[in-house]
């Protein structure tokens, strides 16, 4: 990324009113198409299910980046608030499809773990890598503590709301037995909260001190076509991914909990999370923190509620009653990340500590 005079230094887009794909865009689109085609070919040929599973995970990660790039290309035309809605609706499409297909296949444990795992991967693994890489290159990192604190506290509040149905069941409160209805109520409230967050500048505007770098814009028609194609492809690839997930878990002796917490979570976020680490490596810590912490916030505010409300469409039922260990590690991780960002500074050692905690938590779920 570049600062201040970012607009002046942006690549030539061919003059006013003209836009084009960059070389990186072509590589991304070409790689996505190749990954989808190869996955389909191997699946049709009936070859090793583990290979299909791995390739579909790669395709999912690339498609997630394609959808995110398409939303970004429309950002200036839609405005910040509407862009936030579209980004949340489309940016998590691969994870949403994987979760719904997994529910249809009866893999409830995978979905529960994937929701928690997506949050953990961002606040521990990705933030840890950002601090580690950025700290080793630039020494002590500084960022706007106010914005990071607000996003972190918002994440903490959202996670607390998600845990209420599970606590009512665990504590045998009068609401126990009504977890389905309570989960839907919580989901509706969180979606309303997300809509309100679109009007909160600290949650939606980039940090002060310069404009974020934006790639050359795409034509509107091209962006819409890519978004449509990416969404359709993500639906098919998600189905293939879930088809290969169960045989892969059996072949590799992986539990549902570990598959959701680590494999599904990382596959759905891998490419887009690289952006946050790259920003930290470039010394753009404010932007890195915003990118990294916005993702788990959207998972808590949007993705989890939508899964609860959309599950019946797949002939399945899903509530927010999570297993106790998932509840515990989720609370621990979110509280720790809020404490880490409170002082507005980060070091490589703090990053290493966050990564270590993620590794320990992942290991605890290997057996289920």
Protein backbone atom coordinates (compact mmCIF):
# COMPACT_ATOMS: atom_id res chain seq x y z
CA UNK A 1 0.00 0.00 0.00
CA UNK A 2 0.97 3.60 -0.45
CA UNK A 3 0.21 6.72 1.53
CA UNK A 4 -1.10 10.24 0.92
CA UNK A 5 -0.58 10.54 -2.80
CA UNK A 6 -1.95 7.08 -3.49
CA UNK A 7 -4.29 8.36 -6.15
CA UNK A 8 -1.50 10.13 -8.02
CA UNK A 9 0.65 7.02 -8.01
CA UNK A 10 -2.03 4.55 -9.02
CA UNK A 11 -1.45 2.67 -12.27
CA UNK A 12 -2.87 4.25 -15.37
CA UNK A 13 -6.33 2.90 -16.03
CA UNK A 14 -6.43 4.21 -19.55
CA UNK A 15 -7.97 7.64 -18.95
CA UNK A 16 -11.25 8.93 -17.55
CA UNK A 17 -14.14 6.54 -17.74
CA UNK A 18 -11.91 3.63 -18.70
CA UNK A 19 -10.94 0.75 -16.47
CA UNK A 20 -9.11 -2.50 -16.91
CA UNK A 21 -7.95 -5.64 -15.21
CA UNK A 22 -4.42 -5.59 -13.84
CA UNK A 23 -1.94 -8.40 -14.35
CA UNK A 24 -2.61 -9.57 -10.78
CA UNK A 25 -6.34 -9.65 -11.56
CA UNK A 26 -5.75 -11.85 -14.60
CA UNK A 27 -3.55 -14.19 -12.57
CA UNK A 28 -6.18 -14.41 -9.82
CA UNK A 29 -9.02 -15.08 -12.27
CA UNK A 30 -6.97 -17.53 -14.29
CA UNK A 31 -5.82 -19.39 -11.19
CA UNK A 32 -9.39 -19.60 -9.90
CA UNK A 33 -10.72 -20.98 -13.19
CA UNK A 34 -7.87 -23.48 -13.39
CA UNK A 35 -8.42 -24.67 -9.81
CA UNK A 36 -12.18 -25.12 -10.40
CA UNK A 37 -11.68 -26.96 -13.71
CA UNK A 38 -8.99 -29.30 -12.34
CA UNK A 39 -11.09 -30.06 -9.25
CA UNK A 40 -14.12 -30.83 -11.42
CA UNK A 41 -12.04 -33.04 -13.73
CA UNK A 42 -10.59 -35.07 -10.86
CA UNK A 43 -14.00 -35.41 -9.22
CA UNK A 44 -15.62 -36.53 -12.48
CA UNK A 45 -12.82 -39.04 -13.09
CA UNK A 46 -13.42 -40.50 -9.62
CA UNK A 47 -9.79 -40.10 -8.58
CA UNK A 48 -8.45 -39.83 -5.02
CA UNK A 49 -11.02 -38.09 -2.84
CA UNK A 50 -8.29 -36.54 -0.69
CA UNK A 51 -6.80 -34.85 -3.78
CA UNK A 52 -10.22 -33.49 -4.74
CA UNK A 53 -10.66 -32.21 -1.19
CA UNK A 54 -7.30 -30.40 -1.19
CA UNK A 55 -7.84 -28.87 -4.62
CA UNK A 56 -11.37 -27.76 -3.75
CA UNK A 57 -9.96 -26.05 -0.65
CA UNK A 58 -7.47 -24.17 -2.86
CA UNK A 59 -10.26 -23.25 -5.28
CA UNK A 60 -12.43 -22.01 -2.40
CA UNK A 61 -9.65 -19.76 -1.12
CA UNK A 62 -9.08 -18.28 -4.58
CA UNK A 63 -12.81 -17.76 -5.16
CA UNK A 64 -13.08 -15.98 -1.82
CA UNK A 65 -10.41 -13.57 -3.03
CA UNK A 66 -12.16 -13.14 -6.40
CA UNK A 67 -15.44 -12.23 -4.71
CA UNK A 68 -13.66 -9.84 -2.34
CA UNK A 69 -11.85 -8.20 -5.28
CA UNK A 70 -15.13 -7.82 -7.16
CA UNK A 71 -16.78 -6.13 -4.18
CA UNK A 72 -13.79 -3.83 -3.82
CA UNK A 73 -14.05 -2.85 -7.49
CA UNK A 74 -17.61 -1.67 -6.87
CA UNK A 75 -16.77 0.12 -3.61
CA UNK A 76 -16.43 3.65 -4.96
CA UNK A 77 -19.67 3.42 -6.90
CA UNK A 78 -21.75 1.97 -4.07
CA UNK A 79 -20.52 4.17 -1.22
CA UNK A 80 -19.09 2.94 2.10
CA UNK A 81 -22.33 1.82 3.77
CA UNK A 82 -23.72 -0.12 0.83
CA UNK A 83 -20.27 -1.57 0.17
CA UNK A 84 -20.25 -2.88 3.75
CA UNK A 85 -23.55 -4.65 3.15
CA UNK A 86 -22.42 -6.16 -0.15
CA UNK A 87 -19.05 -7.17 1.28
CA UNK A 88 -20.69 -9.00 4.17
CA UNK A 89 -23.29 -10.60 1.91
CA UNK A 90 -20.80 -11.79 -0.70
CA UNK A 91 -17.38 -11.84 0.97
CA UNK A 92 -18.31 -14.80 3.17
CA UNK A 93 -20.16 -16.73 0.44
CA UNK A 94 -17.68 -19.65 0.31
CA UNK A 95 -17.82 -20.14 4.10
CA UNK A 96 -21.61 -19.82 4.06
CA UNK A 97 -21.98 -22.42 1.30
CA UNK A 98 -19.56 -24.81 2.99
CA UNK A 99 -21.48 -24.49 6.26
CA UNK A 100 -24.88 -25.06 4.67
CA UNK A 101 -23.71 -28.07 2.64
CA UNK A 102 -22.01 -29.46 5.74
CA UNK A 103 -25.29 -29.12 7.67
CA UNK A 104 -27.09 -30.95 4.87
CA UNK A 105 -24.50 -33.73 5.21
CA UNK A 106 -25.09 -33.89 8.98
CA UNK A 107 -21.70 -32.41 9.89
CA UNK A 108 -23.00 -30.11 12.63
CA UNK A 109 -19.73 -30.35 14.56
CA UNK A 110 -17.81 -29.08 11.54
CA UNK A 111 -20.07 -26.03 11.23
CA UNK A 112 -19.90 -25.19 14.94
CA UNK A 113 -16.12 -25.45 14.90
CA UNK A 114 -15.80 -23.55 11.61
CA UNK A 115 -17.62 -20.50 13.00
CA UNK A 116 -15.39 -20.43 16.06
CA UNK A 117 -12.33 -21.39 14.01
CA UNK A 118 -12.82 -18.51 11.57
CA UNK A 119 -12.80 -16.05 14.46
CA UNK A 120 -9.81 -17.73 16.14
CA UNK A 121 -7.82 -17.87 12.90
CA UNK A 122 -8.17 -14.11 12.48
CA UNK A 123 -7.65 -12.88 16.04
CA UNK A 124 -4.85 -15.30 16.90
CA UNK A 125 -3.15 -16.75 13.82
CA UNK A 126 -3.48 -13.89 11.31
CA UNK A 127 -3.05 -11.08 13.83
CA UNK A 128 -0.11 -12.99 15.31
CA UNK A 129 1.53 -13.38 11.90
CA UNK A 130 0.92 -9.68 11.17
CA UNK A 131 2.62 -8.64 14.42
CA UNK A 132 5.41 -11.16 13.91
CA UNK A 133 6.20 -10.18 10.31
CA UNK A 134 5.64 -6.46 10.85
CA UNK A 135 7.58 -6.44 14.13
CA UNK A 136 10.58 -8.22 12.67
CA UNK A 137 10.72 -5.74 9.77
CA UNK A 138 9.87 -2.49 11.54
CA UNK A 139 10.42 -3.06 15.26
CA UNK A 140 7.64 -1.95 17.61
CA UNK A 141 4.41 -1.41 15.66
CA UNK A 142 2.03 1.42 16.54
CA UNK A 143 -1.57 1.89 15.47
CA UNK A 144 -4.68 3.91 16.33
CA UNK A 145 -5.63 2.31 19.63
CA UNK A 146 -9.08 3.93 19.65
CA UNK A 147 -10.31 2.35 16.43
CA UNK A 148 -8.78 -1.05 17.22
CA UNK A 149 -10.28 -0.94 20.72
CA UNK A 150 -13.77 -0.14 19.41
CA UNK A 151 -13.65 -2.95 16.84
CA UNK A 152 -12.27 -5.34 19.47
CA UNK A 153 -14.94 -4.44 22.01
CA UNK A 154 -17.62 -4.76 19.34
CA UNK A 155 -16.29 -8.22 18.57
CA UNK A 156 -16.36 -9.09 22.28
CA UNK A 157 -20.00 -7.94 22.57
CA UNK A 158 -21.01 -9.87 19.44
CA UNK A 159 -19.35 -13.06 20.68
CA UNK A 160 -21.03 -12.63 24.08
CA UNK A 161 -24.41 -12.45 22.33
CA UNK A 162 -23.62 -15.59 20.33
CA UNK A 163 -22.87 -17.49 23.54
CA UNK A 164 -26.16 -16.70 25.33
CA UNK A 165 -28.11 -19.71 23.87
CA UNK A 166 -25.31 -22.09 24.85
CA UNK A 167 -25.19 -20.68 28.38
CA UNK A 168 -28.95 -21.07 28.83
CA UNK A 169 -28.60 -24.76 27.95
CA UNK A 170 -25.50 -25.38 30.05
CA UNK A 171 -26.95 -23.63 33.11
CA UNK A 172 -30.37 -25.30 32.74
CA UNK A 173 -32.14 -21.96 32.84
CA UNK A 174 -35.90 -21.60 32.13
CA UNK A 175 -34.94 -20.85 28.50
CA UNK A 176 -33.39 -24.32 28.16
CA UNK A 177 -35.37 -26.29 25.62
CA UNK A 178 -36.08 -23.20 23.55
CA UNK A 179 -32.63 -22.90 21.98
CA UNK A 180 -33.99 -22.93 18.41
CA UNK A 181 -36.19 -19.89 18.95
CA UNK A 182 -33.60 -18.13 21.12
CA UNK A 183 -30.90 -18.68 18.47
CA UNK A 184 -33.14 -17.09 15.84
CA UNK A 185 -33.89 -14.14 18.10
CA UNK A 186 -30.18 -13.62 18.78
CA UNK A 187 -29.44 -13.93 15.05
CA UNK A 188 -32.05 -11.32 14.17
CA UNK A 189 -30.74 -8.90 16.79
CA UNK A 190 -27.14 -9.32 15.59
CA UNK A 191 -28.15 -8.64 11.99
CA UNK A 192 -29.89 -5.45 13.12
CA UNK A 193 -26.75 -4.52 15.05
CA UNK A 194 -24.72 -5.08 11.90
CA UNK A 195 -27.01 -2.75 9.98
CA UNK A 196 -26.54 -0.10 12.67
CA UNK A 197 -22.76 -0.60 12.57
CA UNK A 198 -22.77 0.63 8.97
CA UNK A 199 -23.39 4.10 10.38
CA UNK A 200 -20.59 3.88 12.96
CA UNK A 201 -17.58 5.69 11.42
CA UNK A 202 -15.02 3.89 13.61
CA UNK A 203 -16.24 0.54 12.30
CA UNK A 204 -16.52 1.39 8.63
CA UNK A 205 -14.12 4.20 7.75
CA UNK A 206 -10.41 3.63 7.12
CA UNK A 207 -8.01 5.07 9.72
CA UNK A 208 -6.90 8.67 9.38
CA UNK A 209 -3.55 9.44 7.83
CA UNK A 210 -3.93 8.53 4.19
CA UNK A 211 -6.09 6.78 1.68
CA UNK A 212 -5.93 3.02 1.42
CA UNK A 213 -4.49 1.73 -1.81
CA UNK A 214 -7.08 0.57 -4.29
CA UNK A 215 -6.37 -1.49 -7.36
CA UNK A 216 -7.44 -0.17 -10.75
CA UNK A 217 -11.22 -0.25 -10.91
CA UNK A 218 -13.06 -2.73 -13.08
CA UNK A 219 -15.93 -1.79 -15.38
CA UNK A 220 -19.24 -2.21 -13.55
CA UNK A 221 -20.45 -4.89 -15.96
CA UNK A 222 -17.22 -6.84 -15.56
CA UNK A 223 -17.33 -6.58 -11.75
CA UNK A 224 -20.94 -7.80 -11.65
CA UNK A 225 -20.15 -10.65 -14.04
CA UNK A 226 -17.17 -11.74 -11.94
CA UNK A 227 -19.23 -11.55 -8.74
CA UNK A 228 -22.01 -13.64 -10.26
CA UNK A 229 -19.64 -16.22 -11.71
CA UNK A 230 -17.61 -16.32 -8.48
CA UNK A 231 -20.72 -16.84 -6.37
CA UNK A 232 -22.03 -19.66 -8.59
CA UNK A 233 -18.61 -21.33 -8.72
CA UNK A 234 -18.28 -21.01 -4.93
CA UNK A 235 -21.58 -22.87 -4.50
CA UNK A 236 -20.43 -25.81 -6.65
CA UNK A 237 -16.92 -25.94 -5.18
CA UNK A 238 -18.31 -25.78 -1.64
CA UNK A 239 -20.45 -28.83 -2.39
CA UNK A 240 -17.40 -30.69 -3.74
CA UNK A 241 -15.36 -29.59 -0.72
CA UNK A 242 -17.93 -31.00 1.70
CA UNK A 243 -18.21 -34.21 -0.38
CA UNK A 244 -14.49 -34.76 0.03
CA UNK A 245 -14.37 -33.57 3.64
CA UNK A 246 -15.74 -36.70 5.27
CA UNK A 247 -13.52 -39.18 3.35
CA UNK A 248 -10.54 -36.91 4.00
CA UNK A 249 -11.31 -36.83 7.73
CA UNK A 250 -11.46 -40.62 7.75
CA UNK A 251 -8.28 -41.06 5.70
CA UNK A 252 -6.30 -38.51 7.71
CA UNK A 253 -7.90 -39.44 11.07
CA UNK A 254 -9.16 -35.89 11.62
CA UNK A 255 -12.09 -35.13 13.91
CA UNK A 256 -15.06 -32.98 12.90
CA UNK A 257 -14.01 -30.38 15.46
CA UNK A 258 -10.46 -30.07 14.11
CA UNK A 259 -11.64 -30.07 10.49
CA UNK A 260 -13.99 -27.17 11.18
CA UNK A 261 -11.73 -25.26 13.55
CA UNK A 262 -8.63 -25.36 11.35
CA UNK A 263 -9.15 -26.70 7.82
CA UNK A 264 -12.52 -25.18 6.89
CA UNK A 265 -11.76 -21.91 8.69
CA UNK A 266 -8.39 -21.41 6.99
CA UNK A 267 -9.62 -22.53 3.54
CA UNK A 268 -12.39 -19.96 3.63
CA UNK A 269 -10.13 -17.08 4.73
CA UNK A 270 -6.65 -17.93 3.50
CA UNK A 271 -6.13 -15.64 0.53
CA UNK A 272 -7.96 -12.58 1.88
CA UNK A 273 -6.10 -12.82 5.19
CA UNK A 274 -2.77 -12.62 3.39
CA UNK A 275 -3.69 -8.99 2.69
CA UNK A 276 -3.61 -8.10 6.39
CA UNK A 277 -0.19 -9.69 6.83
CA UNK A 278 1.15 -7.89 3.75
CA UNK A 279 -0.09 -4.56 5.12
CA UNK A 280 1.71 -5.17 8.41
CA UNK A 281 4.89 -6.10 6.53
CA UNK A 282 4.64 -2.76 4.68
CA UNK A 283 4.27 -0.89 7.99
CA UNK A 284 0.59 -0.04 7.37
CA UNK A 285 -0.45 -1.33 10.79
CA UNK A 286 -3.66 0.72 11.07
CA UNK A 287 -5.00 -0.76 7.88
CA UNK A 288 -3.75 -4.23 8.77
CA UNK A 289 -5.60 -4.15 12.11
CA UNK A 290 -8.76 -2.90 10.43
CA UNK A 291 -8.69 -5.64 7.78
CA UNK A 292 -7.87 -8.42 10.24
CA UNK A 293 -10.38 -7.51 12.97
CA UNK A 294 -13.25 -6.63 10.61
CA UNK A 295 -13.34 -10.20 9.30
CA UNK A 296 -14.14 -11.97 12.62
CA UNK A 297 -16.55 -9.16 13.49
CA UNK A 298 -18.51 -9.86 10.30
CA UNK A 299 -18.46 -13.58 11.05
CA UNK A 300 -20.02 -12.97 14.46
CA UNK A 301 -22.49 -10.31 13.29
CA UNK A 302 -23.48 -11.73 9.91
CA UNK A 303 -22.23 -15.19 8.98
CA UNK A 304 -23.28 -17.09 12.11
CA UNK A 305 -26.77 -15.50 12.23
CA UNK A 306 -27.34 -16.15 8.51
CA UNK A 307 -26.37 -19.82 8.95
CA UNK A 308 -28.91 -20.15 11.78
CA UNK A 309 -31.68 -18.55 9.72
CA UNK A 310 -30.81 -20.27 6.42
CA UNK A 311 -30.26 -23.80 7.77
CA UNK A 312 -33.97 -24.79 7.39
CA UNK A 313 -33.67 -24.08 3.65
CA UNK A 314 -31.19 -26.99 3.50
CA UNK A 315 -33.52 -29.25 5.48
CA UNK A 316 -31.34 -28.87 8.56
CA UNK A 317 -31.50 -27.21 11.94
CA UNK A 318 -28.70 -25.26 13.54
CA UNK A 319 -28.59 -23.44 16.87
CA UNK A 320 -25.98 -21.37 18.65
CA UNK A 321 -25.63 -23.97 21.41
CA UNK A 322 -21.89 -24.60 21.15
CA UNK A 323 -19.89 -27.23 23.06
CA UNK A 324 -18.28 -25.93 26.29
CA UNK A 325 -14.69 -26.15 25.00
CA UNK A 326 -15.53 -24.07 21.92
CA UNK A 327 -17.16 -21.48 24.19
CA UNK A 328 -14.12 -21.38 26.46
CA UNK A 329 -11.48 -20.96 23.71
CA UNK A 330 -13.61 -18.36 21.91
CA UNK A 331 -13.94 -16.20 25.01
CA UNK A 332 -10.25 -16.60 25.87
CA UNK A 333 -9.13 -15.61 22.36
CA UNK A 334 -11.37 -12.56 22.02
CA UNK A 335 -10.55 -11.23 25.50
CA UNK A 336 -6.82 -11.65 24.82
CA UNK A 337 -6.96 -9.82 21.49
CA UNK A 338 -8.80 -6.88 23.10
CA UNK A 339 -6.09 -6.70 25.77
CA UNK A 340 -3.36 -6.88 23.11
CA UNK A 341 -4.70 -3.96 21.06
CA UNK A 342 -5.64 -1.72 24.01
CA UNK A 343 -2.21 -0.05 24.23
CA UNK A 344 -1.99 0.76 20.51
CA UNK A 345 1.29 -1.13 20.12
CA UNK A 346 2.36 -4.54 18.90
CA UNK A 347 5.63 -6.46 18.89
CA UNK A 348 6.93 -9.54 17.15
CA UNK A 349 6.94 -11.40 20.47
CA UNK A 350 3.24 -10.65 21.04
CA UNK A 351 2.64 -12.05 17.57
CA UNK A 352 4.59 -15.21 18.38
CA UNK A 353 2.57 -15.62 21.59
CA UNK A 354 -0.75 -15.32 19.71
CA UNK A 355 0.39 -17.93 17.16
CA UNK A 356 1.49 -20.24 19.97
CA UNK A 357 -1.93 -19.98 21.63
CA UNK A 358 -3.62 -20.78 18.31
CA UNK A 359 -1.42 -23.87 17.88
CA UNK A 360 -2.24 -25.07 21.42
CA UNK A 361 -5.98 -24.60 20.88
CA UNK A 362 -5.84 -26.41 17.53
CA UNK A 363 -3.97 -29.31 19.12
CA UNK A 364 -6.64 -29.58 21.83
CA UNK A 365 -9.26 -30.27 19.13
CA UNK A 366 -7.30 -32.89 17.20
CA UNK A 367 -9.13 -35.72 18.94
CA UNK A 368 -12.55 -34.05 18.79
